[in-house]
Amino acid sequence: MEKHALDSRNGQRFAGMQASITAGLALLLTACGSGLSGQYSDNSGIMQYDFKSDGKVYVTTLGIQSAGEYEIDDDKLIIRGNNGNMVLQIKEDDTLIGPMGLVLSKTEDR
């Protein structure tokens, strides 16, 4: 077999391995999810955030619920919804700090 044919096959194998590794990394990152799930509420119970592992969040304020999507960027939690975007800070003690210093603590999952 000629050297050119071997080089071509090796190149195809390498390209195939690269595609497999890239697909595997993408699957791993997707499987890890957004990294946050559960319910968070303020002390008075007026604001409740219900985070799902698929990147969705349901926000309930005074009994009115809206839906959005979220992502985590370091210690920032970015929520995108029909009413705009909101950025909360993630603390290590299972709390979130929202607009105007609103503290949201993790509550029991339903």
Protein backbone atom coordinates (compact mmCIF):
# COMPACT_ATOMS: atom_id res chain seq x y z
CA MET A 1 0.00 0.00 0.00
CA GLU A 2 1.27 3.46 -0.80
CA LYS A 3 2.34 5.90 1.88
CA HIS A 4 -0.25 8.46 0.66
CA ALA A 5 -3.12 5.99 1.19
CA LEU A 6 -1.90 5.25 4.75
CA ASP A 7 -1.60 8.96 5.55
CA SER A 8 -5.12 9.54 4.25
CA ARG A 9 -6.57 6.72 6.39
CA ASN A 10 -4.71 7.91 9.48
CA GLY A 11 -5.98 11.42 8.88
CA GLN A 12 -9.55 10.13 8.60
CA ARG A 13 -9.15 8.12 11.81
CA PHE A 14 -7.74 11.15 13.61
CA ALA A 15 -10.61 13.34 12.37
CA GLY A 16 -13.07 10.68 13.51
CA MET A 17 -11.44 10.53 16.96
CA GLN A 18 -11.57 14.32 17.24
CA ALA A 19 -15.28 14.33 16.38
CA SER A 20 -15.95 11.58 18.93
CA ILE A 21 -14.05 13.42 21.67
CA THR A 22 -15.84 16.69 20.89
CA ALA A 23 -19.24 14.95 20.92
CA GLY A 24 -18.35 13.22 24.19
CA LEU A 25 -17.36 16.49 25.85
CA ALA A 26 -20.56 18.16 24.68
CA LEU A 27 -22.59 15.24 26.05
CA LEU A 28 -20.73 15.39 29.36
CA LEU A 29 -21.36 19.12 29.72
CA THR A 30 -25.03 18.63 28.88
CA ALA A 31 -25.31 15.75 31.33
CA CYS A 32 -23.86 17.92 34.07
CA GLY A 33 -26.81 20.24 33.50
CA SER A 34 -26.88 23.77 34.69
CA GLY A 35 -25.69 22.78 38.13
CA LEU A 36 -28.61 24.13 40.16
CA SER A 37 -31.90 22.57 41.14
CA GLY A 38 -34.40 22.96 43.91
CA GLN A 39 -36.51 25.67 45.46
CA TYR A 40 -35.28 28.95 46.90
CA SER A 41 -37.41 31.46 48.78
CA ASP A 42 -37.02 34.71 50.68
CA ASN A 43 -37.74 34.78 54.45
CA SER A 44 -41.27 36.12 53.98
CA GLY A 45 -42.18 33.57 51.28
CA ILE A 46 -43.23 36.28 48.84
CA MET A 47 -40.61 35.31 46.23
CA GLN A 48 -40.01 31.68 45.27
CA TYR A 49 -37.67 30.33 42.62
CA ASP A 50 -37.99 26.71 41.49
CA PHE A 51 -34.88 25.68 39.53
CA LYS A 52 -34.95 22.58 37.35
CA SER A 53 -31.81 20.71 36.32
CA ASP A 54 -32.67 21.24 32.63
CA GLY A 55 -32.02 24.99 32.87
CA LYS A 56 -35.61 26.11 33.43
CA VAL A 57 -36.74 28.23 36.36
CA TYR A 58 -40.22 29.06 37.60
CA VAL A 59 -40.51 32.29 39.58
CA THR A 60 -43.54 32.87 41.79
CA THR A 61 -44.20 36.34 43.22
CA LEU A 62 -47.33 36.92 45.29
CA GLY A 63 -48.89 33.82 43.71
CA ILE A 64 -48.15 34.83 40.12
CA GLN A 65 -45.83 32.42 38.32
CA SER A 66 -43.59 33.12 35.34
CA ALA A 67 -41.12 30.87 33.54
CA GLY A 68 -37.62 31.49 32.30
CA GLU A 69 -34.26 29.90 31.68
CA TYR A 70 -31.09 30.17 33.69
CA GLU A 71 -27.39 29.57 33.37
CA ILE A 72 -24.50 29.73 35.78
CA ASP A 73 -21.37 31.79 35.07
CA ASP A 74 -18.89 31.35 37.95
CA ASP A 75 -20.73 32.73 41.00
CA LYS A 76 -23.39 34.49 38.91
CA LEU A 77 -26.82 33.05 38.18
CA ILE A 78 -28.31 34.60 35.05
CA ILE A 79 -32.07 34.31 34.65
CA ARG A 80 -33.63 35.13 31.28
CA GLY A 81 -37.36 35.59 30.98
CA ASN A 82 -40.07 37.50 29.18
CA ASN A 83 -39.62 40.42 31.59
CA GLY A 84 -35.91 40.75 30.92
CA ASN A 85 -32.74 39.37 32.48
CA MET A 86 -31.75 39.20 36.13
CA VAL A 87 -28.40 38.37 37.72
CA LEU A 88 -28.17 36.82 41.17
CA GLN A 89 -25.06 35.95 43.14
CA ILE A 90 -24.54 32.36 44.27
CA LYS A 91 -23.17 31.99 47.82
CA GLU A 92 -21.50 28.83 49.17
CA ASP A 93 -24.07 28.42 51.96
CA ASP A 94 -26.99 27.51 49.65
CA THR A 95 -28.20 31.09 49.39
CA LEU A 96 -28.72 33.40 46.45
CA ILE A 97 -28.45 37.18 46.60
CA GLY A 98 -30.93 38.91 44.33
CA PRO A 99 -31.84 42.47 43.41
CA MET A 100 -31.64 45.04 46.22
CA GLY A 101 -29.94 42.47 48.48
CA LEU A 102 -32.85 40.04 48.54
CA VAL A 103 -31.64 36.81 50.18
CA LEU A 104 -33.08 33.56 48.86
CA SER A 105 -32.44 30.38 50.87
CA LYS A 106 -32.81 26.80 49.68
CA THR A 107 -36.07 25.25 50.88
CA GLU A 108 -37.53 21.76 50.85
CA ASP A 109 -38.14 20.33 47.37
CA ARG A 110 -41.73 19.54 46.66
